[in-house]
Amino acid sequence: MMRPVILILIVILGVLGVSSLFVVNETQYAIKFQLGRIVKSDYEPGLHVKVPFVNNVRKYDKRLLTLDTNAEDMLTSEQKFVAVDSFVKWRIADVRRFYTSTQGNERVALNRLDSIVKDRIRNQIASRTLKEVISEQRVTTMLDIAREANVASKEFGIEVVDVRIKAIELPDDVRESVFRRMAADRQKEANLYRFEGRESAERITASADREVQVILAEAQRDGQTLRGEGDARSTEIYANSYGQDQEFYAFYRSLQAYGNAFGGSSDIMLLDPKSEFFQYFSSEAPKQK
């Protein structure tokens, strides 16, 4: 009779021993309750003890969590609708406050966080124009939203680490207007580039034309100089030749005159055959005086 009783007692003690221990991981918060009242919430990772049937423990994730919100239509300062889709990176910063403000219900916490973030996004969008919302200022907008949402969510023991706007969808009429304005801006930039290109081309062409004129002028100057030097040299040679053989020089000059006078096939000249011009055509050419 004693043996079954002892076994039962051992089992009961084993169950009580196991029930009096709990493990807290590095990624968890733990809150110990005593008859519904929080008695401790600052547990370090490891093995801890509780009183069975008197204490109960609830655990919460301490890692960075993501809240993916639904897209919602919002008004800009110009009273134009945009559909904003965003997500939030958050975590539990104060587990005791988180539990007391939400009764430990994570769904309640997410609903409140969603409301806080959307209100801040709506306020930021309403204070900006459509151009500012979709421009590079969107980064500044997200930082402002995250900062304001973090302040508002501290009362729930929540820390908002980051808020990101995934997409901003425009209504069809607004989208067409934006596309037309963007196309006009790009066309303006293209026209500016074309104008600057034409201006640069004209400047280069003018510079090249000026250099060509300078080169041609210098070439003509050098050519005339060389030509003058050649003529002077030719005259000098002719003069020397004339001084050495006057008869040959006279004959050479007459041949040049004949070539110039009878250059065309249809040229006609009426001259006396006995004239001095034809002196070398006669059987006896006159001697040079």
Protein backbone atom coordinates (compact mmCIF):
# COMPACT_ATOMS: atom_id res chain seq x y z
CA MET A 1 0.00 0.00 0.00
CA MET A 2 2.84 2.38 0.74
CA ARG A 3 4.58 1.92 -2.58
CA PRO A 4 1.77 3.35 -4.78
CA VAL A 5 1.39 6.27 -2.39
CA ILE A 6 5.09 7.00 -2.59
CA LEU A 7 5.03 6.83 -6.39
CA ILE A 8 2.09 9.22 -6.49
CA LEU A 9 3.88 11.60 -4.16
CA ILE A 10 7.01 11.45 -6.31
CA VAL A 11 4.99 12.20 -9.44
CA ILE A 12 3.22 15.09 -7.72
CA LEU A 13 6.51 16.49 -6.46
CA GLY A 14 8.00 16.10 -9.95
CA VAL A 15 5.09 17.94 -11.52
CA LEU A 16 5.31 20.66 -8.88
CA GLY A 17 9.07 20.91 -9.44
CA VAL A 18 8.68 21.25 -13.19
CA SER A 19 5.81 23.71 -12.75
CA SER A 20 7.95 25.87 -10.48
CA LEU A 21 10.58 26.44 -13.18
CA PHE A 22 10.43 28.51 -16.35
CA VAL A 23 12.99 29.54 -18.98
CA VAL A 24 13.40 33.00 -20.46
CA ASN A 25 15.17 33.16 -23.84
CA GLU A 26 17.35 36.01 -25.05
CA THR A 27 14.60 37.09 -27.44
CA GLN A 28 11.87 37.22 -24.78
CA TYR A 29 10.48 39.37 -22.04
CA ALA A 30 8.82 37.62 -19.08
CA ILE A 31 6.27 38.93 -16.58
CA LYS A 32 5.50 37.02 -13.36
CA PHE A 33 2.06 37.46 -11.85
CA GLN A 34 0.81 36.64 -8.40
CA LEU A 35 -2.96 36.31 -8.30
CA GLY A 36 -3.23 38.65 -11.32
CA ARG A 37 -0.82 41.25 -10.00
CA ILE A 38 2.55 41.89 -11.63
CA VAL A 39 5.35 41.06 -9.21
CA LYS A 40 8.35 41.05 -11.52
CA SER A 41 9.12 41.87 -15.16
CA ASP A 42 12.89 42.42 -15.40
CA TYR A 43 14.03 38.85 -15.95
CA GLU A 44 17.39 38.08 -17.48
CA PRO A 45 17.73 35.18 -19.93
CA GLY A 46 18.01 31.84 -18.15
CA LEU A 47 16.19 29.49 -15.74
CA HIS A 48 13.91 31.03 -13.11
CA VAL A 49 11.60 29.89 -10.29
CA LYS A 50 7.93 30.53 -9.57
CA VAL A 51 5.38 29.21 -7.08
CA PRO A 52 2.99 26.78 -8.76
CA PHE A 53 -0.69 27.72 -8.74
CA VAL A 54 0.24 31.09 -7.18
CA ASN A 55 2.44 32.59 -9.85
CA ASN A 56 1.93 32.50 -13.59
CA VAL A 57 4.27 33.81 -16.28
CA ARG A 58 3.59 35.44 -19.65
CA LYS A 59 6.25 35.97 -22.28
CA TYR A 60 6.54 38.54 -25.06
CA ASP A 61 8.87 38.90 -28.01
CA LYS A 62 11.57 41.53 -27.51
CA ARG A 63 12.82 41.42 -31.13
CA LEU A 64 12.16 44.01 -33.81
CA LEU A 65 8.67 43.45 -35.24
CA THR A 66 6.92 44.63 -38.40
CA LEU A 67 3.46 46.10 -38.74
CA ASP A 68 2.34 46.18 -42.38
CA THR A 69 -0.47 48.72 -42.62
CA ASN A 70 -3.17 48.83 -45.27
CA ALA A 71 -3.09 51.49 -47.97
CA GLU A 72 -5.29 54.48 -47.17
CA ASP A 73 -6.38 57.57 -49.10
CA MET A 74 -5.05 60.84 -47.70
CA LEU A 75 -5.31 64.49 -48.69
CA THR A 76 -2.36 66.72 -49.50
CA SER A 77 -2.27 70.43 -48.71
CA GLU A 78 -3.63 71.00 -52.23
CA GLN A 79 -6.68 68.83 -51.40
CA LYS A 80 -5.55 66.06 -53.75
CA PHE A 81 -6.00 62.42 -52.78
CA VAL A 82 -3.09 60.01 -52.65
CA ALA A 83 -3.16 56.35 -51.57
CA VAL A 84 -0.34 55.79 -49.05
CA ASP A 85 0.95 52.29 -48.31
CA SER A 86 3.45 51.95 -45.43
CA PHE A 87 4.93 49.64 -42.83
CA VAL A 88 6.30 50.15 -39.31
CA LYS A 89 9.30 48.64 -37.54
CA TRP A 90 8.60 48.49 -33.79
CA ARG A 91 9.42 46.64 -30.60
CA ILE A 92 8.35 46.42 -26.99
CA ALA A 93 10.51 48.80 -24.96
CA ASP A 94 8.75 48.55 -21.56
CA VAL A 95 6.99 45.21 -21.13
CA ARG A 96 5.28 46.19 -17.84
CA ARG A 97 3.74 49.31 -19.42
CA PHE A 98 2.92 47.33 -22.56
CA TYR A 99 0.92 44.83 -20.51
CA THR A 100 -0.91 47.35 -18.33
CA SER A 101 -1.90 49.57 -21.27
CA THR A 102 -3.04 46.78 -23.58
CA GLN A 103 -3.85 43.99 -21.09
CA GLY A 104 -1.10 42.06 -22.79
CA ASN A 105 -3.11 41.75 -25.99
CA GLU A 106 -0.79 42.19 -28.94
CA ARG A 107 -3.69 42.70 -31.34
CA VAL A 108 -4.88 45.68 -29.26
CA ALA A 109 -1.33 47.06 -29.31
CA LEU A 110 -1.11 46.69 -33.09
CA ASN A 111 -4.45 48.43 -33.60
CA ARG A 112 -3.35 51.36 -31.47
CA LEU A 113 0.02 51.53 -33.16
CA ASP A 114 -1.64 51.43 -36.58
CA SER A 115 -3.91 54.31 -35.58
CA ILE A 116 -0.99 56.36 -34.22
CA VAL A 117 1.14 55.88 -37.35
CA LYS A 118 -1.68 56.60 -39.79
CA ASP A 119 -2.65 59.76 -37.92
CA ARG A 120 0.97 61.01 -38.14
CA ILE A 121 1.22 60.09 -41.81
CA ARG A 122 -2.07 61.86 -42.50
CA ASN A 123 -0.85 65.00 -40.71
CA GLN A 124 2.45 65.02 -42.57
CA ILE A 125 0.79 64.47 -45.95
CA ALA A 126 -1.74 67.21 -45.22
CA SER A 127 1.05 69.70 -44.52
CA ARG A 128 2.82 69.06 -47.83
CA THR A 129 2.05 69.59 -51.50
CA LEU A 130 1.77 66.69 -53.92
CA LYS A 131 5.16 67.55 -55.40
CA GLU A 132 6.78 67.50 -51.97
CA VAL A 133 5.09 64.21 -51.08
CA ILE A 134 6.47 62.34 -54.12
CA SER A 135 9.81 64.14 -54.27
CA GLU A 136 13.04 63.61 -52.34
CA GLN A 137 11.36 65.21 -49.30
CA ARG A 138 9.64 61.86 -48.73
CA VAL A 139 12.69 60.76 -46.70
CA THR A 140 12.29 63.76 -44.42
CA THR A 141 8.57 63.03 -44.17
CA MET A 142 9.20 59.45 -43.02
CA LEU A 143 11.70 60.59 -40.39
CA ASP A 144 9.20 63.12 -39.03
CA ILE A 145 6.46 60.48 -38.93
CA ALA A 146 8.69 57.98 -37.10
CA ARG A 147 9.75 60.57 -34.53
CA GLU A 148 6.19 61.72 -33.78
CA ALA A 149 4.82 58.14 -33.71
CA ASN A 150 7.57 57.09 -31.31
CA VAL A 151 6.65 59.88 -28.90
CA ALA A 152 2.95 58.97 -29.02
CA SER A 153 3.50 55.23 -28.59
CA LYS A 154 5.71 55.46 -25.49
CA GLU A 155 2.63 55.43 -23.25
CA PHE A 156 1.98 51.89 -24.51
CA GLY A 157 5.55 50.73 -23.81
CA ILE A 158 6.26 50.60 -27.55
CA GLU A 159 9.26 52.03 -29.40
CA VAL A 160 8.76 52.93 -33.07
CA VAL A 161 12.11 52.33 -34.75
CA ASP A 162 11.22 53.25 -38.32
CA VAL A 163 8.31 54.12 -40.58
CA ARG A 164 8.61 53.51 -44.29
CA ILE A 165 6.26 54.57 -47.06
CA LYS A 166 6.27 51.72 -49.57
CA ALA A 167 4.20 53.39 -52.27
CA ILE A 168 2.22 56.53 -52.98
CA GLU A 169 -0.41 55.89 -55.63
CA LEU A 170 -2.05 58.82 -57.38
CA PRO A 171 -5.58 58.96 -58.81
CA ASP A 172 -5.74 58.64 -62.59
CA ASP A 173 -6.38 62.34 -63.26
CA VAL A 174 -3.64 63.40 -60.85
CA ARG A 175 -1.25 60.81 -62.28
CA GLU A 176 -1.80 62.13 -65.81
CA SER A 177 -1.23 65.68 -64.61
CA VAL A 178 1.98 64.67 -62.87
CA PHE A 179 3.20 62.79 -65.93
CA ARG A 180 2.48 65.78 -68.16
CA ARG A 181 4.34 68.09 -65.80
CA MET A 182 7.26 65.69 -65.59
CA ALA A 183 7.34 65.41 -69.39
CA ALA A 184 7.29 69.20 -69.67
CA ASP A 185 10.15 69.49 -67.19
CA ARG A 186 12.19 66.91 -69.08
CA GLN A 187 11.43 68.67 -72.37
CA LYS A 188 12.60 71.93 -70.85
CA GLU A 189 15.84 70.31 -69.75
CA ALA A 190 16.30 68.74 -73.19
CA ASN A 191 15.73 72.12 -74.89
CA LEU A 192 18.27 73.69 -72.55
CA TYR A 193 20.84 71.01 -73.40
CA ARG A 194 20.14 71.49 -77.12
CA PHE A 195 20.54 75.25 -76.82
CA GLU A 196 23.80 74.86 -74.93
CA GLY A 197 24.97 72.34 -77.52
CA ARG A 198 24.15 74.67 -80.42
CA GLU A 199 25.84 77.55 -78.64
CA SER A 200 28.93 75.44 -78.04
CA ALA A 201 28.91 74.23 -81.66
CA GLU A 202 28.63 77.78 -82.99
CA ARG A 203 31.45 78.89 -80.71
CA ILE A 204 33.67 76.03 -81.88
CA THR A 205 32.76 76.64 -85.54
CA ALA A 206 33.50 80.36 -85.24
CA SER A 207 36.84 79.60 -83.59
CA ALA A 208 37.68 77.07 -86.33
CA ASP A 209 36.68 79.53 -89.09
CA ARG A 210 38.81 82.21 -87.49
CA GLU A 211 41.79 79.85 -87.32
CA VAL A 212 41.22 78.87 -90.97
CA GLN A 213 41.23 82.54 -92.02
CA VAL A 214 44.40 83.14 -90.03
CA ILE A 215 46.09 80.10 -91.55
CA LEU A 216 45.02 81.08 -95.09
CA ALA A 217 46.18 84.65 -94.57
CA GLU A 218 49.53 83.48 -93.28
CA ALA A 219 49.82 81.02 -96.17
CA GLN A 220 49.00 83.73 -98.71
CA ARG A 221 51.51 86.03 -97.07
CA ASP A 222 54.19 83.37 -97.14
CA GLY A 223 53.25 82.45 -100.74
CA GLN A 224 53.49 86.05 -101.87
CA THR A 225 56.81 86.38 -100.09
CA LEU A 226 58.13 83.24 -101.77
CA ARG A 227 56.66 84.31 -105.09
CA GLY A 228 58.33 87.71 -104.81
CA GLU A 229 61.60 86.10 -103.89
CA GLY A 230 61.21 83.74 -106.87
CA ASP A 231 60.46 86.61 -109.23
CA ALA A 232 63.44 88.51 -107.92
CA ARG A 233 65.61 85.45 -108.36
CA SER A 234 64.21 84.89 -111.86
CA THR A 235 64.85 88.51 -112.80
CA GLU A 236 68.34 88.20 -111.43
CA ILE A 237 68.95 85.05 -113.50
CA TYR A 238 67.49 86.68 -116.61
CA ALA A 239 69.64 89.75 -116.06
CA ASN A 240 72.74 87.60 -115.67
CA SER A 241 71.82 85.58 -118.75
CA TYR A 242 71.18 88.74 -120.73
CA GLY A 243 74.55 90.05 -119.74
CA GLN A 244 76.26 86.85 -120.87
CA ASP A 245 74.46 86.35 -124.23
CA GLN A 246 72.22 89.17 -125.33
CA GLU A 247 71.31 87.47 -128.62
CA PHE A 248 70.09 84.27 -126.91
CA TYR A 249 68.15 86.30 -124.36
CA ALA A 250 66.42 88.28 -127.12
CA PHE A 251 65.58 85.03 -128.91
CA TYR A 252 64.14 83.49 -125.70
CA ARG A 253 62.00 86.56 -125.00
CA SER A 254 60.67 86.44 -128.58
CA LEU A 255 59.67 82.80 -128.17
CA GLN A 256 57.77 83.73 -125.02
CA ALA A 257 56.04 86.53 -126.90
CA TYR A 258 55.10 84.11 -129.73
CA GLY A 259 53.65 81.66 -127.20
CA ASN A 260 51.55 84.35 -125.57
CA ALA A 261 50.40 85.79 -128.91
CA PHE A 262 49.47 82.49 -130.60
CA GLY A 263 48.07 80.64 -127.56
CA GLY A 264 44.55 80.17 -129.02
CA SER A 265 43.73 78.04 -132.07
CA SER A 266 41.39 80.69 -133.48
CA ASP A 267 43.57 83.73 -132.83
CA ILE A 268 44.15 85.98 -135.89
CA MET A 269 46.78 88.73 -136.10
CA LEU A 270 47.32 91.04 -139.07
CA LEU A 271 50.95 92.19 -139.07
CA ASP A 272 53.53 93.00 -141.64
CA PRO A 273 55.78 89.92 -142.06
CA LYS A 274 58.77 92.22 -142.19
CA SER A 275 57.91 93.78 -138.85
CA GLU A 276 60.32 93.50 -135.95
CA PHE A 277 57.94 91.05 -134.19
CA PHE A 278 58.70 88.39 -136.84
CA GLN A 279 62.37 89.02 -137.04
CA TYR A 280 63.24 85.41 -136.07
CA PHE A 281 60.90 83.98 -138.77
CA SER A 282 63.04 85.42 -141.60
CA SER A 283 65.99 83.57 -143.07
CA GLU A 284 68.33 86.13 -141.63
CA ALA A 285 67.44 87.29 -138.23
CA PRO A 286 68.56 90.83 -137.46
CA LYS A 287 71.46 91.10 -135.16
CA GLN A 288 71.01 92.64 -131.74
CA LYS A 289 72.40 96.08 -131.59
